[in-house]
């Protein structure tokens, strides 16, 4: 959460735990690189690994500008960004989405989180109405999938409380999303949804 932080990615041998030198610089990659100006803040939320690629989901802020959700696609062996994904290997999207998890299933990339609808009060008396946010992107290009929900995004509000999806899993028969539904006065409840992978 403090400025001048780096996103650090390591690749280690599964048997010995030793860093794999072919990945990045002696097994380690840092973002932003050490030559960048100061004032970055990075927070990694999830990582997904496929047969050839590495996907990272996180939050980024540059100095005093707005927060971004950041998705990277990298080569699993070298750590290099896959330039065909998004812009130069990166998809950035402005909040209000507060991303929490990601799931890759073939050429489907699902990202979940929440949006703030409204906020009342301050300090200990502060209350927020948060809604679920589910988006589907192409795992190849990073573009939103237009046939899923409304232009690739589903937003819905299970309750007037603090609703937040925390985990997603995708299979051929559907995408499962689980999280918190703040609808009960005594403190909320679990919520699990199953949605059609194509339409949402």
N, C-alpha and C. Protein backbone atom coordinates (compact mmCIF):
# COMPACT_ATOMS: atom_id res chain seq x y z
N UNK A 1 0.77 -1.22 0.00
CA UNK A 1 0.00 0.00 0.00
C UNK A 1 0.80 1.28 0.00
N UNK A 2 2.13 1.25 0.17
CA UNK A 2 2.94 2.45 0.21
C UNK A 2 3.55 2.74 -1.16
N UNK A 3 3.85 4.02 -1.46
CA UNK A 3 4.49 4.34 -2.74
C UNK A 3 5.84 3.66 -2.88
N UNK A 4 6.31 3.63 -4.14
CA UNK A 4 7.63 3.09 -4.47
C UNK A 4 7.69 1.58 -4.21
N UNK A 5 6.59 0.89 -4.42
CA UNK A 5 6.56 -0.56 -4.31
C UNK A 5 6.74 -1.17 -5.69
N UNK A 6 7.15 -2.44 -5.72
CA UNK A 6 7.30 -3.18 -6.95
C UNK A 6 6.47 -4.45 -6.89
N UNK A 7 5.92 -4.80 -8.04
CA UNK A 7 5.36 -6.12 -8.21
C UNK A 7 6.52 -7.07 -8.47
N UNK A 8 6.63 -8.12 -7.69
CA UNK A 8 7.73 -9.08 -7.80
C UNK A 8 7.17 -10.44 -8.19
N UNK A 9 7.72 -11.01 -9.27
CA UNK A 9 7.34 -12.34 -9.73
C UNK A 9 8.57 -13.22 -9.69
N UNK A 10 8.45 -14.37 -9.04
CA UNK A 10 9.54 -15.35 -9.00
C UNK A 10 9.08 -16.65 -9.67
N UNK A 11 10.00 -17.33 -10.31
CA UNK A 11 9.75 -18.69 -10.77
C UNK A 11 10.79 -19.59 -10.12
N UNK A 12 10.31 -20.62 -9.43
CA UNK A 12 11.20 -21.53 -8.73
C UNK A 12 10.99 -22.96 -9.21
N UNK A 13 12.04 -23.72 -9.13
CA UNK A 13 11.97 -25.13 -9.49
C UNK A 13 11.03 -25.85 -8.54
N UNK A 14 10.08 -26.63 -9.11
CA UNK A 14 9.10 -27.30 -8.27
C UNK A 14 9.69 -28.35 -7.36
N UNK A 15 10.84 -28.92 -7.70
CA UNK A 15 11.45 -29.96 -6.88
C UNK A 15 12.40 -29.39 -5.83
N UNK A 16 13.24 -28.43 -6.24
CA UNK A 16 14.29 -27.94 -5.34
C UNK A 16 13.99 -26.61 -4.69
N UNK A 17 13.07 -25.83 -5.31
CA UNK A 17 12.80 -24.49 -4.79
C UNK A 17 13.77 -23.44 -5.27
N UNK A 18 14.74 -23.83 -6.08
CA UNK A 18 15.71 -22.87 -6.59
C UNK A 18 15.09 -21.98 -7.67
N UNK A 19 15.54 -20.72 -7.73
CA UNK A 19 15.08 -19.82 -8.77
C UNK A 19 15.48 -20.36 -10.14
N UNK A 20 14.59 -20.21 -11.12
CA UNK A 20 14.84 -20.66 -12.49
C UNK A 20 15.45 -19.50 -13.26
N UNK A 21 16.73 -19.55 -13.61
CA UNK A 21 17.43 -18.36 -14.15
C UNK A 21 16.91 -17.90 -15.50
N UNK A 22 16.26 -18.77 -16.29
CA UNK A 22 15.75 -18.37 -17.60
C UNK A 22 14.54 -17.44 -17.50
N UNK A 23 13.93 -17.36 -16.34
CA UNK A 23 12.76 -16.51 -16.14
C UNK A 23 13.19 -15.14 -15.65
N UNK A 24 12.85 -14.11 -16.44
CA UNK A 24 13.21 -12.75 -16.04
C UNK A 24 14.71 -12.58 -15.90
N UNK A 25 15.14 -12.00 -14.80
CA UNK A 25 16.55 -11.81 -14.49
C UNK A 25 16.91 -12.73 -13.33
N UNK A 26 17.51 -13.85 -13.65
CA UNK A 26 17.91 -14.85 -12.64
C UNK A 26 16.72 -15.35 -11.83
N UNK A 27 15.58 -15.51 -12.53
CA UNK A 27 14.41 -16.09 -11.87
C UNK A 27 13.44 -15.09 -11.29
N UNK A 28 13.71 -13.78 -11.46
CA UNK A 28 12.88 -12.75 -10.83
C UNK A 28 12.54 -11.66 -11.85
N UNK A 29 11.28 -11.18 -11.81
CA UNK A 29 10.89 -10.01 -12.58
C UNK A 29 10.29 -8.99 -11.63
N UNK A 30 10.62 -7.71 -11.86
CA UNK A 30 10.06 -6.62 -11.08
C UNK A 30 9.28 -5.69 -11.99
N UNK A 31 8.14 -5.22 -11.50
CA UNK A 31 7.37 -4.19 -12.23
C UNK A 31 6.96 -3.11 -11.22
N UNK A 32 7.10 -1.82 -11.53
CA UNK A 32 7.78 -1.30 -12.72
C UNK A 32 9.28 -1.53 -12.63
N UNK A 33 9.98 -1.46 -13.77
CA UNK A 33 11.41 -1.70 -13.74
C UNK A 33 12.10 -0.60 -12.93
N UNK A 34 13.31 -0.88 -12.54
CA UNK A 34 14.02 0.00 -11.59
C UNK A 34 14.32 1.38 -12.15
N UNK A 35 14.20 1.54 -13.48
CA UNK A 35 14.48 2.84 -14.07
C UNK A 35 13.30 3.79 -14.07
N UNK A 36 12.11 3.32 -13.65
CA UNK A 36 10.93 4.17 -13.70
C UNK A 36 10.97 5.24 -12.61
N UNK A 37 10.14 6.27 -12.82
CA UNK A 37 10.02 7.32 -11.81
C UNK A 37 9.35 6.75 -10.56
N UNK A 38 9.56 7.41 -9.46
CA UNK A 38 9.03 6.92 -8.18
C UNK A 38 7.55 7.27 -8.05
N UNK A 39 6.90 6.61 -7.10
CA UNK A 39 5.51 6.93 -6.82
C UNK A 39 4.52 5.90 -7.30
N UNK A 40 4.95 4.64 -7.48
CA UNK A 40 4.06 3.57 -7.92
C UNK A 40 3.54 2.81 -6.71
N UNK A 41 2.32 2.29 -6.84
CA UNK A 41 1.76 1.41 -5.82
C UNK A 41 1.16 0.21 -6.53
N UNK A 42 1.55 -0.98 -6.13
CA UNK A 42 1.11 -2.20 -6.79
C UNK A 42 0.56 -3.18 -5.75
N UNK A 43 -0.49 -3.90 -6.12
CA UNK A 43 -1.11 -4.87 -5.23
C UNK A 43 -1.59 -6.03 -6.10
N UNK A 44 -1.03 -7.22 -5.92
CA UNK A 44 -1.40 -8.38 -6.71
C UNK A 44 -2.58 -9.09 -6.05
N UNK A 45 -3.61 -9.42 -6.85
CA UNK A 45 -4.81 -10.07 -6.32
C UNK A 45 -4.88 -11.56 -6.68
N UNK A 46 -4.36 -11.93 -7.88
CA UNK A 46 -4.49 -13.33 -8.29
C UNK A 46 -3.48 -13.64 -9.39
N UNK A 47 -3.20 -14.93 -9.55
CA UNK A 47 -2.31 -15.40 -10.60
C UNK A 47 -2.91 -16.69 -11.16
N UNK A 48 -2.89 -16.83 -12.49
CA UNK A 48 -3.37 -18.04 -13.15
C UNK A 48 -2.30 -18.50 -14.13
N UNK A 49 -2.09 -19.82 -14.18
CA UNK A 49 -1.07 -20.40 -15.04
C UNK A 49 -1.73 -21.39 -15.99
N UNK A 50 -1.46 -21.24 -17.29
CA UNK A 50 -1.91 -22.19 -18.30
C UNK A 50 -0.69 -22.94 -18.83
N UNK A 51 -0.89 -23.73 -19.87
CA UNK A 51 0.22 -24.55 -20.38
C UNK A 51 1.39 -23.70 -20.86
N UNK A 52 1.09 -22.50 -21.39
CA UNK A 52 2.16 -21.67 -21.96
C UNK A 52 2.27 -20.28 -21.35
N UNK A 53 1.26 -19.86 -20.59
CA UNK A 53 1.20 -18.45 -20.19
C UNK A 53 0.94 -18.27 -18.71
N UNK A 54 1.22 -17.05 -18.29
CA UNK A 54 1.05 -16.63 -16.91
C UNK A 54 0.20 -15.36 -16.92
N UNK A 55 -0.91 -15.37 -16.20
CA UNK A 55 -1.79 -14.20 -16.10
C UNK A 55 -1.73 -13.67 -14.68
N UNK A 56 -1.61 -12.34 -14.56
CA UNK A 56 -1.60 -11.71 -13.25
C UNK A 56 -2.68 -10.64 -13.19
N UNK A 57 -3.38 -10.60 -12.07
CA UNK A 57 -4.42 -9.60 -11.81
C UNK A 57 -4.01 -8.79 -10.61
N UNK A 58 -4.10 -7.45 -10.73
CA UNK A 58 -3.73 -6.62 -9.60
C UNK A 58 -4.31 -5.22 -9.70
N UNK A 59 -3.89 -4.39 -8.76
CA UNK A 59 -4.31 -3.00 -8.67
C UNK A 59 -3.05 -2.15 -8.76
N UNK A 60 -3.14 -1.03 -9.47
CA UNK A 60 -1.98 -0.18 -9.68
C UNK A 60 -2.39 1.29 -9.57
N UNK A 61 -1.50 2.10 -9.00
CA UNK A 61 -1.69 3.55 -9.01
C UNK A 61 -0.36 4.22 -9.29
N UNK A 62 -0.37 5.21 -10.16
CA UNK A 62 0.83 5.95 -10.49
C UNK A 62 0.74 7.33 -9.84
N UNK A 63 1.59 7.56 -8.83
CA UNK A 63 1.62 8.82 -8.10
C UNK A 63 0.21 9.15 -7.59
N UNK A 64 -0.36 10.27 -7.97
CA UNK A 64 -1.66 10.67 -7.40
C UNK A 64 -2.82 10.43 -8.38
N UNK A 65 -2.57 9.70 -9.47
CA UNK A 65 -3.63 9.48 -10.45
C UNK A 65 -4.58 8.40 -9.97
N UNK A 66 -5.57 8.09 -10.79
CA UNK A 66 -6.60 7.14 -10.40
C UNK A 66 -6.02 5.73 -10.29
N UNK A 67 -6.74 4.90 -9.53
CA UNK A 67 -6.40 3.49 -9.44
C UNK A 67 -6.82 2.78 -10.72
N UNK A 68 -6.05 1.76 -11.10
CA UNK A 68 -6.35 0.93 -12.24
C UNK A 68 -6.40 -0.53 -11.81
N UNK A 69 -7.28 -1.30 -12.43
CA UNK A 69 -7.15 -2.74 -12.40
C UNK A 69 -6.19 -3.11 -13.52
N UNK A 70 -5.25 -4.00 -13.25
CA UNK A 70 -4.22 -4.35 -14.22
C UNK A 70 -4.21 -5.86 -14.43
N UNK A 71 -4.30 -6.28 -15.70
CA UNK A 71 -4.17 -7.69 -16.07
C UNK A 71 -2.98 -7.81 -17.00
N UNK A 72 -2.06 -8.70 -16.67
CA UNK A 72 -0.91 -8.97 -17.51
C UNK A 72 -0.96 -10.40 -18.05
N UNK A 73 -0.44 -10.58 -19.25
CA UNK A 73 -0.23 -11.91 -19.81
C UNK A 73 1.25 -12.04 -20.15
N UNK A 74 1.89 -13.07 -19.62
CA UNK A 74 3.33 -13.24 -19.79
C UNK A 74 3.65 -14.66 -20.27
N UNK A 75 4.80 -14.78 -20.88
CA UNK A 75 5.32 -16.09 -21.26
C UNK A 75 5.74 -16.84 -19.99
N UNK A 76 5.28 -18.07 -19.87
CA UNK A 76 5.53 -18.82 -18.65
C UNK A 76 7.01 -19.17 -18.46
N UNK A 77 7.75 -19.30 -19.57
CA UNK A 77 9.14 -19.72 -19.47
C UNK A 77 10.08 -18.54 -19.26
N UNK A 78 9.83 -17.42 -19.94
CA UNK A 78 10.75 -16.28 -19.88
C UNK A 78 10.25 -15.13 -19.03
N UNK A 79 8.92 -15.04 -18.84
CA UNK A 79 8.35 -13.92 -18.11
C UNK A 79 8.05 -12.71 -18.97
N UNK A 80 8.38 -12.77 -20.25
CA UNK A 80 8.16 -11.62 -21.13
C UNK A 80 6.66 -11.41 -21.38
N UNK A 81 6.25 -10.14 -21.49
CA UNK A 81 4.86 -9.82 -21.80
C UNK A 81 4.50 -10.30 -23.20
N UNK A 82 3.26 -10.79 -23.35
CA UNK A 82 2.74 -11.22 -24.64
C UNK A 82 2.10 -10.00 -25.29
N UNK A 83 2.75 -9.45 -26.30
CA UNK A 83 2.39 -8.14 -26.81
C UNK A 83 1.02 -8.10 -27.47
N UNK A 84 0.50 -9.23 -27.95
CA UNK A 84 -0.80 -9.25 -28.61
C UNK A 84 -1.96 -9.11 -27.62
N UNK A 85 -1.69 -9.22 -26.34
CA UNK A 85 -2.71 -9.12 -25.30
C UNK A 85 -2.84 -7.67 -24.86
N UNK A 86 -4.04 -7.10 -25.02
CA UNK A 86 -4.25 -5.71 -24.61
C UNK A 86 -3.31 -4.77 -25.35
N UNK A 87 -2.69 -3.87 -24.61
CA UNK A 87 -1.68 -2.97 -25.16
C UNK A 87 -0.32 -3.38 -24.63
N UNK A 88 0.44 -4.06 -25.47
CA UNK A 88 1.77 -4.47 -25.06
C UNK A 88 1.79 -5.51 -23.97
N UNK A 89 0.74 -6.34 -23.88
CA UNK A 89 0.69 -7.39 -22.87
C UNK A 89 -0.09 -7.04 -21.63
N UNK A 90 -0.73 -5.86 -21.62
CA UNK A 90 -1.40 -5.37 -20.41
C UNK A 90 -2.80 -4.84 -20.76
N UNK A 91 -3.77 -5.17 -19.91
CA UNK A 91 -5.10 -4.55 -19.95
C UNK A 91 -5.26 -3.74 -18.68
N UNK A 92 -5.47 -2.44 -18.83
CA UNK A 92 -5.76 -1.56 -17.69
C UNK A 92 -7.21 -1.10 -17.76
N UNK A 93 -7.91 -1.15 -16.65
CA UNK A 93 -9.28 -0.63 -16.59
C UNK A 93 -9.44 0.19 -15.33
N UNK A 94 -10.02 1.37 -15.48
CA UNK A 94 -10.25 2.25 -14.34
C UNK A 94 -11.25 1.64 -13.37
N UNK A 95 -11.07 1.93 -12.09
CA UNK A 95 -12.14 1.61 -11.16
C UNK A 95 -13.38 2.37 -11.63
N UNK A 96 -14.63 1.96 -11.29
CA UNK A 96 -15.03 1.48 -9.99
C UNK A 96 -14.82 0.00 -9.70
N UNK A 97 -14.49 -0.84 -10.67
CA UNK A 97 -14.29 -2.24 -10.35
C UNK A 97 -13.13 -2.40 -9.37
N UNK A 98 -13.39 -3.07 -8.26
CA UNK A 98 -12.37 -3.46 -7.29
C UNK A 98 -12.16 -4.96 -7.47
N UNK A 99 -11.24 -5.33 -8.36
CA UNK A 99 -11.06 -6.72 -8.76
C UNK A 99 -10.53 -7.56 -7.61
N UNK A 100 -11.00 -8.82 -7.53
CA UNK A 100 -10.57 -9.69 -6.45
C UNK A 100 -10.10 -11.05 -6.92
N UNK A 101 -10.55 -11.54 -8.09
CA UNK A 101 -10.16 -12.87 -8.52
C UNK A 101 -10.28 -12.97 -10.03
N UNK A 102 -9.62 -13.98 -10.59
CA UNK A 102 -9.57 -14.17 -12.03
C UNK A 102 -9.57 -15.66 -12.30
N UNK A 103 -10.17 -16.07 -13.42
CA UNK A 103 -10.19 -17.47 -13.82
C UNK A 103 -9.99 -17.54 -15.33
N UNK A 104 -9.04 -18.39 -15.76
CA UNK A 104 -8.78 -18.60 -17.18
C UNK A 104 -9.24 -19.99 -17.56
N UNK A 105 -10.06 -20.07 -18.61
CA UNK A 105 -10.59 -21.35 -19.07
C UNK A 105 -10.54 -21.35 -20.60
N UNK A 106 -9.49 -21.96 -21.17
CA UNK A 106 -9.32 -21.91 -22.62
C UNK A 106 -9.07 -20.48 -23.07
N UNK A 107 -9.91 -19.97 -23.99
CA UNK A 107 -9.77 -18.57 -24.41
C UNK A 107 -10.71 -17.65 -23.66
N UNK A 108 -11.24 -18.13 -22.53
CA UNK A 108 -12.12 -17.31 -21.70
C UNK A 108 -11.36 -16.83 -20.47
N UNK A 109 -11.46 -15.54 -20.19
CA UNK A 109 -10.83 -14.93 -19.03
C UNK A 109 -11.92 -14.21 -18.24
N UNK A 110 -12.20 -14.69 -17.04
CA UNK A 110 -13.23 -14.08 -16.19
C UNK A 110 -12.55 -13.31 -15.06
N UNK A 111 -13.03 -12.10 -14.82
CA UNK A 111 -12.54 -11.26 -13.72
C UNK A 111 -13.74 -10.86 -12.87
N UNK A 112 -13.61 -11.01 -11.56
CA UNK A 112 -14.70 -10.65 -10.66
C UNK A 112 -14.23 -9.63 -9.64
N UNK A 113 -15.19 -8.91 -9.09
CA UNK A 113 -14.92 -7.92 -8.05
C UNK A 113 -16.21 -7.22 -7.68
N UNK A 114 -16.10 -6.03 -7.11
CA UNK A 114 -17.31 -5.29 -6.79
C UNK A 114 -17.18 -3.83 -7.20
N UNK A 115 -18.32 -3.15 -7.26
CA UNK A 115 -18.40 -1.73 -7.52
C UNK A 115 -19.11 -1.05 -6.36
N UNK A 116 -18.73 0.16 -6.07
CA UNK A 116 -19.42 0.95 -5.05
C UNK A 116 -20.56 1.72 -5.69
N UNK A 117 -21.78 1.46 -5.23
CA UNK A 117 -22.95 2.18 -5.73
C UNK A 117 -23.15 3.48 -4.97
N UNK A 118 -23.07 3.39 -3.64
CA UNK A 118 -23.26 4.58 -2.82
C UNK A 118 -22.55 4.41 -1.48
N UNK A 119 -22.21 5.53 -0.85
CA UNK A 119 -21.56 5.54 0.46
C UNK A 119 -22.25 6.58 1.33
N UNK A 120 -22.54 6.19 2.58
CA UNK A 120 -23.13 7.13 3.53
C UNK A 120 -22.33 7.11 4.82
N UNK A 121 -22.27 8.24 5.51
CA UNK A 121 -21.58 8.31 6.79
C UNK A 121 -20.07 8.35 6.64
N UNK A 122 -19.39 8.42 7.78
CA UNK A 122 -17.94 8.48 7.81
C UNK A 122 -17.42 7.66 8.98
N UNK A 123 -16.14 7.28 8.89
CA UNK A 123 -15.50 6.58 9.98
C UNK A 123 -16.20 5.28 10.33
N UNK A 124 -16.42 5.06 11.65
CA UNK A 124 -17.04 3.82 12.12
C UNK A 124 -18.51 3.72 11.69
N UNK A 125 -19.11 4.82 11.36
CA UNK A 125 -20.53 4.81 10.97
C UNK A 125 -20.70 4.74 9.45
N UNK A 126 -19.59 4.57 8.73
CA UNK A 126 -19.65 4.53 7.27
C UNK A 126 -20.30 3.24 6.79
N UNK A 127 -21.23 3.35 5.85
CA UNK A 127 -21.85 2.18 5.23
C UNK A 127 -21.79 2.34 3.71
N UNK A 128 -21.64 1.20 3.02
CA UNK A 128 -21.53 1.22 1.57
C UNK A 128 -22.50 0.22 0.96
N UNK A 129 -23.05 0.59 -0.16
CA UNK A 129 -23.83 -0.34 -0.96
C UNK A 129 -22.93 -0.79 -2.11
N UNK A 130 -22.51 -2.05 -2.08
CA UNK A 130 -21.59 -2.60 -3.07
C UNK A 130 -22.30 -3.65 -3.90
N UNK A 131 -22.00 -3.69 -5.20
CA UNK A 131 -22.62 -4.67 -6.09
C UNK A 131 -21.56 -5.60 -6.68
N UNK A 132 -22.00 -6.79 -7.11
CA UNK A 132 -21.11 -7.74 -7.76
C UNK A 132 -20.81 -7.27 -9.19
N UNK A 133 -19.59 -7.56 -9.64
CA UNK A 133 -19.15 -7.23 -10.98
C UNK A 133 -18.45 -8.47 -11.55
N UNK A 134 -18.93 -8.94 -12.69
CA UNK A 134 -18.34 -10.10 -13.37
C UNK A 134 -18.09 -9.69 -14.82
N UNK A 135 -16.87 -9.86 -15.29
CA UNK A 135 -16.60 -9.55 -16.69
C UNK A 135 -15.89 -10.72 -17.36
N UNK A 136 -16.12 -10.83 -18.66
CA UNK A 136 -15.49 -11.88 -19.46
C UNK A 136 -14.68 -11.23 -20.56
N UNK A 137 -13.44 -11.69 -20.71
CA UNK A 137 -12.54 -11.18 -21.73
C UNK A 137 -11.96 -12.33 -22.55
N UNK A 138 -11.44 -12.00 -23.70
CA UNK A 138 -10.68 -12.96 -24.48
C UNK A 138 -9.32 -13.16 -23.82
N UNK A 139 -8.96 -14.42 -23.58
CA UNK A 139 -7.64 -14.69 -23.00
C UNK A 139 -6.53 -14.45 -24.02
N UNK A 140 -6.89 -14.36 -25.30
CA UNK A 140 -5.89 -14.10 -26.35
C UNK A 140 -5.62 -12.61 -26.52
N UNK A 141 -6.71 -11.83 -26.62
CA UNK A 141 -6.55 -10.40 -26.93
C UNK A 141 -6.78 -9.48 -25.73
N UNK A 142 -7.50 -9.98 -24.72
CA UNK A 142 -7.85 -9.13 -23.58
C UNK A 142 -9.12 -8.33 -23.77
N UNK A 143 -9.72 -8.39 -24.95
CA UNK A 143 -10.93 -7.61 -25.24
C UNK A 143 -12.13 -8.19 -24.51
N UNK A 144 -13.05 -7.32 -24.10
CA UNK A 144 -14.29 -7.78 -23.49
C UNK A 144 -15.09 -8.61 -24.50
N UNK A 145 -15.76 -9.66 -24.01
CA UNK A 145 -16.58 -10.55 -24.84
C UNK A 145 -17.97 -9.97 -24.95
N UNK A 146 -18.31 -9.45 -26.12
CA UNK A 146 -19.54 -8.67 -26.29
C UNK A 146 -20.81 -9.47 -26.01
N UNK A 147 -20.80 -10.79 -26.20
CA UNK A 147 -22.01 -11.57 -25.99
C UNK A 147 -22.29 -11.92 -24.54
N UNK A 148 -21.40 -11.57 -23.64
CA UNK A 148 -21.54 -11.89 -22.22
C UNK A 148 -22.12 -10.69 -21.48
N UNK A 149 -23.31 -10.87 -20.90
CA UNK A 149 -23.94 -9.76 -20.19
C UNK A 149 -24.15 -8.56 -21.09
N UNK A 150 -23.84 -7.37 -20.60
CA UNK A 150 -23.93 -6.14 -21.38
C UNK A 150 -22.53 -5.73 -21.80
N UNK A 151 -22.18 -6.04 -23.04
CA UNK A 151 -20.86 -5.69 -23.61
C UNK A 151 -19.71 -6.28 -22.80
N UNK A 152 -19.92 -7.50 -22.30
CA UNK A 152 -18.86 -8.20 -21.61
C UNK A 152 -18.89 -8.10 -20.10
N UNK A 153 -19.86 -7.40 -19.54
CA UNK A 153 -19.90 -7.13 -18.10
C UNK A 153 -21.29 -7.42 -17.54
N UNK A 154 -21.31 -8.06 -16.37
CA UNK A 154 -22.54 -8.23 -15.58
C UNK A 154 -22.35 -7.51 -14.26
N UNK A 155 -23.27 -6.63 -13.95
CA UNK A 155 -23.29 -5.95 -12.66
C UNK A 155 -24.65 -6.18 -12.02
N UNK A 156 -24.66 -6.68 -10.80
CA UNK A 156 -25.94 -6.85 -10.12
C UNK A 156 -25.73 -6.71 -8.61
N UNK A 157 -26.80 -6.33 -7.95
CA UNK A 157 -26.74 -5.94 -6.55
C UNK A 157 -27.64 -6.86 -5.72
N UNK A 158 -27.07 -7.92 -5.11
CA UNK A 158 -27.91 -8.87 -4.37
C UNK A 158 -28.63 -8.26 -3.17
N UNK A 159 -28.05 -7.21 -2.57
CA UNK A 159 -28.66 -6.62 -1.37
C UNK A 159 -28.23 -5.16 -1.27
N UNK A 160 -28.85 -4.39 -0.38
CA UNK A 160 -28.41 -3.00 -0.16
C UNK A 160 -27.18 -2.90 0.73
N UNK A 161 -26.54 -4.03 1.03
CA UNK A 161 -25.37 -4.02 1.90
C UNK A 161 -24.07 -4.16 1.12
N UNK A 162 -23.04 -4.65 1.80
CA UNK A 162 -21.69 -4.78 1.21
C UNK A 162 -21.54 -6.15 0.56
N UNK A 163 -21.86 -6.22 -0.72
CA UNK A 163 -21.79 -7.48 -1.46
C UNK A 163 -20.45 -7.58 -2.18
N UNK A 164 -19.81 -8.76 -2.10
CA UNK A 164 -18.49 -8.89 -2.72
C UNK A 164 -18.25 -10.33 -3.15
N UNK A 165 -18.04 -10.58 -4.45
CA UNK A 165 -17.63 -11.92 -4.88
C UNK A 165 -16.13 -12.10 -4.66
N UNK A 166 -15.75 -13.27 -4.16
CA UNK A 166 -14.35 -13.48 -3.81
C UNK A 166 -13.66 -14.54 -4.66
N UNK A 167 -14.39 -15.49 -5.23
CA UNK A 167 -13.74 -16.59 -5.93
C UNK A 167 -14.55 -16.99 -7.15
N UNK A 168 -13.82 -17.41 -8.21
CA UNK A 168 -14.48 -17.85 -9.44
C UNK A 168 -13.81 -19.13 -9.95
N UNK A 169 -14.62 -20.00 -10.57
CA UNK A 169 -14.11 -21.21 -11.21
C UNK A 169 -14.93 -21.43 -12.47
N UNK A 170 -14.27 -21.68 -13.59
CA UNK A 170 -14.95 -21.85 -14.87
C UNK A 170 -14.75 -23.27 -15.38
N UNK A 171 -15.83 -23.86 -15.87
CA UNK A 171 -15.84 -25.17 -16.48
C UNK A 171 -16.67 -25.08 -17.75
N UNK A 172 -16.61 -26.10 -18.62
CA UNK A 172 -17.39 -26.01 -19.86
C UNK A 172 -18.88 -25.80 -19.64
N UNK A 173 -19.41 -26.30 -18.52
CA UNK A 173 -20.86 -26.17 -18.28
C UNK A 173 -21.25 -24.90 -17.55
N UNK A 174 -20.29 -24.05 -17.19
CA UNK A 174 -20.66 -22.80 -16.53
C UNK A 174 -19.52 -22.19 -15.74
N UNK A 175 -19.71 -20.93 -15.37
CA UNK A 175 -18.75 -20.25 -14.50
C UNK A 175 -19.41 -20.08 -13.14
N UNK A 176 -18.68 -20.49 -12.10
CA UNK A 176 -19.18 -20.44 -10.73
C UNK A 176 -18.53 -19.24 -10.03
N UNK A 177 -19.35 -18.46 -9.35
CA UNK A 177 -18.86 -17.29 -8.62
C UNK A 177 -19.39 -17.37 -7.20
N UNK A 178 -18.50 -17.23 -6.23
CA UNK A 178 -18.90 -17.33 -4.82
C UNK A 178 -18.39 -16.12 -4.06
N UNK A 179 -19.19 -15.69 -3.08
CA UNK A 179 -18.78 -14.53 -2.30
C UNK A 179 -19.76 -14.19 -1.21
N UNK A 180 -19.80 -12.92 -0.89
CA UNK A 180 -20.54 -12.42 0.27
C UNK A 180 -21.77 -11.65 -0.19
N UNK A 181 -22.88 -11.97 0.45
CA UNK A 181 -24.16 -11.29 0.23
C UNK A 181 -24.54 -10.65 1.56
N UNK A 182 -24.57 -9.31 1.60
CA UNK A 182 -24.83 -8.61 2.85
C UNK A 182 -26.30 -8.44 3.18
N UNK A 183 -27.16 -9.34 2.68
CA UNK A 183 -28.60 -9.14 2.81
C UNK A 183 -29.20 -9.47 4.16
N UNK A 184 -28.49 -10.20 5.03
CA UNK A 184 -29.05 -10.54 6.33
C UNK A 184 -28.62 -9.53 7.39
N UNK A 185 -29.57 -9.14 8.22
CA UNK A 185 -29.28 -8.11 9.23
C UNK A 185 -28.22 -8.58 10.22
N UNK A 186 -28.12 -9.90 10.46
CA UNK A 186 -27.16 -10.40 11.44
C UNK A 186 -25.76 -10.62 10.87
N UNK A 187 -25.48 -10.11 9.68
CA UNK A 187 -24.11 -10.15 9.23
C UNK A 187 -23.87 -10.76 7.87
N UNK A 188 -24.89 -11.00 7.08
CA UNK A 188 -24.67 -11.48 5.73
C UNK A 188 -24.66 -12.99 5.61
N UNK A 189 -24.36 -13.47 4.40
CA UNK A 189 -24.41 -14.90 4.12
C UNK A 189 -23.57 -15.18 2.87
N UNK A 190 -23.26 -16.47 2.69
CA UNK A 190 -22.59 -16.89 1.47
C UNK A 190 -23.56 -16.79 0.30
N UNK A 191 -22.98 -16.53 -0.88
CA UNK A 191 -23.76 -16.56 -2.11
C UNK A 191 -22.93 -17.26 -3.18
N UNK A 192 -23.53 -18.24 -3.85
CA UNK A 192 -22.87 -18.97 -4.92
C UNK A 192 -23.76 -18.92 -6.15
N UNK A 193 -23.19 -18.49 -7.26
CA UNK A 193 -23.93 -18.41 -8.50
C UNK A 193 -23.28 -19.30 -9.55
N UNK A 194 -24.11 -19.83 -10.44
CA UNK A 194 -23.60 -20.51 -11.64
C UNK A 194 -24.19 -19.81 -12.85
N UNK A 195 -23.33 -19.40 -13.76
CA UNK A 195 -23.77 -18.64 -14.92
C UNK A 195 -23.29 -19.30 -16.21
N UNK A 196 -24.06 -19.08 -17.27
CA UNK A 196 -23.67 -19.59 -18.57
C UNK A 196 -22.40 -18.88 -19.04
N UNK A 197 -21.41 -19.67 -19.48
CA UNK A 197 -20.12 -19.08 -19.88
C UNK A 197 -20.25 -18.16 -21.07
N UNK A 198 -21.21 -18.43 -21.96
CA UNK A 198 -21.33 -17.64 -23.17
C UNK A 198 -22.12 -16.36 -22.96
N UNK A 199 -23.24 -16.46 -22.27
CA UNK A 199 -24.16 -15.32 -22.16
C UNK A 199 -24.14 -14.64 -20.80
N UNK A 200 -23.69 -15.39 -19.78
CA UNK A 200 -23.73 -14.84 -18.43
C UNK A 200 -25.03 -15.06 -17.70
